[in-house]
């Protein structure tokens, strides 16, 4: 097929965003499946969600937040107790390291406020761009477009990006959509990737995006 102009791709991206908004309505905060109260709790939950389902994280976090309600208390947690509390989320030793390091950095460097800027958040142990973008877009109401495996797969299938790195895919999507839509479009792509545009045998015949998708029919 002929190469698409930047203007045409941006117009198609906006139409895709419109269709997904109709199928998966709500703000980024409303669409986020991780239960939390405020940015600190969401940061903890997002770290735990690596290689783990949101449902499992939501089973673990109530007791965790009750025991460690803020950064200073989590920073002073017993490693053994923390590891046992989060064991079922997988990779619990690595996640405990990240949580303890993140909490200590928050308590030491940001005692009076929660960091909001990307460079501040990614300076915390265990916090990369994806996690920072989740916190910014969901809990802080700031622009942020998290890129996970679902967003990567759909962005490439929809030819909204030809990149393979999450950072470049994020940049491509951000260039095509207004900042106020970044968080929601990420979550809608994730939801659509779980329900329809799955990794194996995507259900192209049931996909509302098929008329706009250069890869339509790959699931036949």
Protein backbone atom coordinates (compact mmCIF):
# COMPACT_ATOMS: atom_id res chain seq x y z
CA UNK A 1 0.00 0.00 0.00
CA UNK A 2 1.23 3.55 -0.64
CA UNK A 3 3.05 5.28 2.15
CA UNK A 4 0.68 7.31 4.31
CA UNK A 5 1.34 11.00 4.85
CA UNK A 6 1.78 12.32 8.37
CA UNK A 7 -1.42 14.34 8.03
CA UNK A 8 -3.41 11.30 6.90
CA UNK A 9 -2.01 9.16 9.67
CA UNK A 10 -2.83 11.80 12.28
CA UNK A 11 -6.40 12.03 10.95
CA UNK A 12 -6.73 8.25 11.09
CA UNK A 13 -5.31 8.23 14.62
CA UNK A 14 -7.93 10.74 15.73
CA UNK A 15 -10.71 8.65 14.22
CA UNK A 16 -9.35 5.53 15.92
CA UNK A 17 -9.28 7.42 19.21
CA UNK A 18 -12.89 8.52 18.66
CA UNK A 19 -14.10 4.98 17.96
CA UNK A 20 -12.25 3.56 20.95
CA UNK A 21 -13.68 6.28 23.19
CA UNK A 22 -17.16 5.16 22.19
CA UNK A 23 -16.37 1.52 22.88
CA UNK A 24 -14.47 2.11 26.11
CA UNK A 25 -15.82 5.36 27.62
CA UNK A 26 -14.35 7.11 30.61
CA UNK A 27 -11.32 9.07 31.70
CA UNK A 28 -7.91 7.54 32.32
CA UNK A 29 -8.70 7.50 36.05
CA UNK A 30 -12.00 5.72 35.41
CA UNK A 31 -10.49 3.20 32.99
CA UNK A 32 -7.58 2.20 35.23
CA UNK A 33 -8.22 -1.21 36.77
CA UNK A 34 -5.68 -0.84 39.59
CA UNK A 35 -7.52 0.16 42.76
CA UNK A 36 -5.78 2.97 44.61
CA UNK A 37 -6.24 6.15 46.58
CA UNK A 38 -3.80 8.76 45.34
CA UNK A 39 -0.51 8.75 43.43
CA UNK A 40 1.57 6.94 46.05
CA UNK A 41 -0.76 3.95 46.13
CA UNK A 42 -0.96 3.87 42.33
CA UNK A 43 2.83 3.96 42.09
CA UNK A 44 3.07 0.96 44.43
CA UNK A 45 0.33 -0.92 42.57
CA UNK A 46 1.90 -0.23 39.18
CA UNK A 47 5.28 -1.53 40.33
CA UNK A 48 3.54 -4.69 41.55
CA UNK A 49 1.65 -5.08 38.26
CA UNK A 50 4.76 -5.96 36.26
CA UNK A 51 4.30 -9.50 34.93
CA UNK A 52 1.14 -9.79 37.01
CA UNK A 53 -2.58 -9.29 36.45
CA UNK A 54 -4.38 -6.24 37.80
CA UNK A 55 -6.80 -8.58 39.55
CA UNK A 56 -4.01 -10.23 41.54
CA UNK A 57 -2.50 -6.86 42.45
CA UNK A 58 -5.89 -5.68 43.70
CA UNK A 59 -6.05 -8.73 45.96
CA UNK A 60 -2.69 -7.86 47.53
CA UNK A 61 -2.78 -4.08 47.90
CA UNK A 62 -5.54 -3.54 50.51
CA UNK A 63 -3.53 -5.23 53.25
CA UNK A 64 -0.31 -3.68 51.92
CA UNK A 65 -1.72 -0.14 51.99
CA UNK A 66 -3.21 -0.70 55.42
CA UNK A 67 0.18 -1.83 56.75
CA UNK A 68 2.25 0.77 54.86
CA UNK A 69 0.03 3.80 54.09
CA UNK A 70 2.80 6.18 53.03
CA UNK A 71 6.39 6.37 51.82
CA UNK A 72 8.07 6.64 55.26
CA UNK A 73 6.27 3.56 56.59
CA UNK A 74 7.03 1.53 53.47
CA UNK A 75 10.66 2.65 53.52
CA UNK A 76 10.94 1.25 57.04
CA UNK A 77 9.24 -2.04 56.23
CA UNK A 78 10.75 -5.37 57.10
CA UNK A 79 11.99 -6.89 53.86
CA UNK A 80 10.86 -10.35 54.90
CA UNK A 81 7.37 -9.15 55.78
CA UNK A 82 7.07 -7.11 52.60
CA UNK A 83 8.21 -10.01 50.43
CA UNK A 84 5.66 -12.30 52.03
CA UNK A 85 2.84 -9.79 51.50
CA UNK A 86 3.60 -9.38 47.78
CA UNK A 87 4.80 -12.93 47.05
CA UNK A 88 1.76 -13.85 44.97
CA UNK A 89 2.43 -11.04 42.46
CA UNK A 90 5.57 -12.82 41.25
CA UNK A 91 9.19 -11.63 41.16
CA UNK A 92 8.58 -10.61 44.75
CA UNK A 93 12.22 -10.14 45.73
CA UNK A 94 12.90 -7.75 42.86
CA UNK A 95 9.63 -5.92 43.47
CA UNK A 96 10.42 -5.60 47.17
CA UNK A 97 13.77 -4.02 46.25
CA UNK A 98 12.01 -1.55 43.97
CA UNK A 99 9.34 -0.70 46.55
CA UNK A 100 11.82 -0.18 49.38
CA UNK A 101 14.13 1.91 47.21
CA UNK A 102 11.28 3.96 45.77
CA UNK A 103 9.76 4.63 49.18
CA UNK A 104 13.11 5.61 50.71
CA UNK A 105 13.78 8.02 47.83
CA UNK A 106 10.31 9.55 48.15
CA UNK A 107 10.65 9.99 51.90
CA UNK A 108 14.15 11.45 51.62
CA UNK A 109 13.91 13.65 48.53
CA UNK A 110 10.21 14.53 48.38
CA UNK A 111 9.07 14.73 52.01
CA UNK A 112 6.58 17.54 51.43
CA UNK A 113 5.17 16.77 47.98
CA UNK A 114 4.69 13.96 45.51
CA UNK A 115 6.91 14.28 42.41
CA UNK A 116 5.02 15.09 39.24
CA UNK A 117 7.63 15.59 36.51
CA UNK A 118 8.84 12.72 34.35
CA UNK A 119 12.49 13.16 35.31
CA UNK A 120 11.58 13.23 39.01
CA UNK A 121 9.50 10.07 38.81
CA UNK A 122 11.96 8.12 36.70
CA UNK A 123 14.75 9.02 39.14
CA UNK A 124 13.03 6.78 41.71
CA UNK A 125 14.26 3.16 41.93
CA UNK A 126 12.09 0.78 39.93
CA UNK A 127 10.22 3.54 38.11
CA UNK A 128 10.53 3.68 34.32
CA UNK A 129 8.68 5.76 31.75
CA UNK A 130 5.71 3.42 31.57
CA UNK A 131 5.13 3.48 35.33
CA UNK A 132 5.69 7.23 35.49
CA UNK A 133 3.21 7.77 32.66
CA UNK A 134 0.60 5.64 34.45
CA UNK A 135 0.92 7.75 37.59
CA UNK A 136 0.93 11.03 35.67
CA UNK A 137 -2.08 10.25 33.52
CA UNK A 138 -4.25 8.39 36.03
CA UNK A 139 -3.50 9.83 39.47
CA UNK A 140 -2.16 13.30 38.67
CA UNK A 141 -4.28 14.31 35.67
CA UNK A 142 -1.16 15.14 33.65
CA UNK A 143 -0.19 14.12 30.10
CA UNK A 144 1.24 10.63 29.95
CA UNK A 145 0.99 7.74 27.51
CA UNK A 146 2.11 4.40 28.97
CA UNK A 147 3.29 1.87 26.38
CA UNK A 148 3.00 -1.79 27.27
CA UNK A 149 2.93 -4.91 25.07
CA UNK A 150 -0.71 -4.34 24.06
CA UNK A 151 -0.12 -0.71 23.06
CA UNK A 152 3.00 -1.76 21.16
CA UNK A 153 1.13 -4.48 19.26
CA UNK A 154 -1.87 -2.32 18.36
CA UNK A 155 0.18 0.75 17.44
CA UNK A 156 2.16 -1.36 15.00
CA UNK A 157 -0.83 -3.26 13.59
CA UNK A 158 -2.72 0.00 13.12
CA UNK A 159 0.43 1.50 11.54
CA UNK A 160 0.36 4.41 13.94
CA UNK A 161 4.00 3.62 14.59
CA UNK A 162 6.57 1.47 12.86
CA UNK A 163 8.91 1.59 15.84
CA UNK A 164 9.74 -1.27 18.18
CA UNK A 165 10.99 0.66 21.21
CA UNK A 166 8.35 1.81 23.74
CA UNK A 167 9.90 5.29 23.86
CA UNK A 168 9.61 5.79 20.09
CA UNK A 169 6.09 4.36 19.98
CA UNK A 170 5.13 6.73 22.78
CA UNK A 171 6.58 9.66 20.83
CA UNK A 172 4.76 8.63 17.64
CA UNK A 173 1.38 8.32 19.36
CA UNK A 174 1.86 11.55 21.29
CA UNK A 175 2.60 13.38 18.03
CA UNK A 176 -0.70 12.21 16.56
CA UNK A 177 -3.07 12.93 19.47
CA UNK A 178 -3.64 15.85 21.87
CA UNK A 179 -2.05 15.55 25.33
CA UNK A 180 -5.39 15.34 27.13
CA UNK A 181 -6.10 12.05 25.31
CA UNK A 182 -2.79 10.31 25.93
CA UNK A 183 -3.65 8.46 29.12
CA UNK A 184 -7.09 7.34 27.99
CA UNK A 185 -5.97 6.15 24.54
CA UNK A 186 -3.31 3.98 26.15
CA UNK A 187 -5.85 2.27 28.41
CA UNK A 188 -8.36 1.90 25.56
CA UNK A 189 -5.73 0.27 23.36
CA UNK A 190 -4.94 -2.10 26.23
CA UNK A 191 -8.61 -2.98 26.70
CA UNK A 192 -9.08 -3.49 22.96
CA UNK A 193 -5.92 -5.56 22.80
CA UNK A 194 -7.22 -7.83 25.55
CA UNK A 195 -10.71 -8.22 24.13
CA UNK A 196 -10.33 -8.17 20.34
CA UNK A 197 -6.90 -7.43 18.88
CA UNK A 198 -5.26 -10.24 20.80
CA UNK A 199 -1.71 -11.36 20.12
CA UNK A 200 -2.67 -14.66 18.52
CA UNK A 201 -5.68 -15.00 16.22
CA UNK A 202 -6.95 -11.42 16.50
CA UNK A 203 -10.70 -11.17 15.94
CA UNK A 204 -10.58 -8.85 12.94
CA UNK A 205 -14.13 -9.74 11.92
CA UNK A 206 -15.44 -8.32 15.20
CA UNK A 207 -13.17 -5.26 15.29
CA UNK A 208 -14.66 -1.80 15.05
CA UNK A 209 -11.28 -0.52 13.86
CA UNK A 210 -11.04 -2.91 10.90
CA UNK A 211 -12.04 -0.27 8.29
CA UNK A 212 -9.14 1.89 9.47
CA UNK A 213 -6.62 -0.86 10.08
CA UNK A 214 -3.97 -1.69 7.45
CA UNK A 215 -3.56 -5.10 9.12
CA UNK A 216 -7.26 -6.02 8.99
CA UNK A 217 -7.62 -9.67 8.05
CA UNK A 218 -4.46 -10.84 9.79
CA UNK A 219 -6.69 -12.81 12.14
CA UNK A 220 -8.51 -14.73 9.45
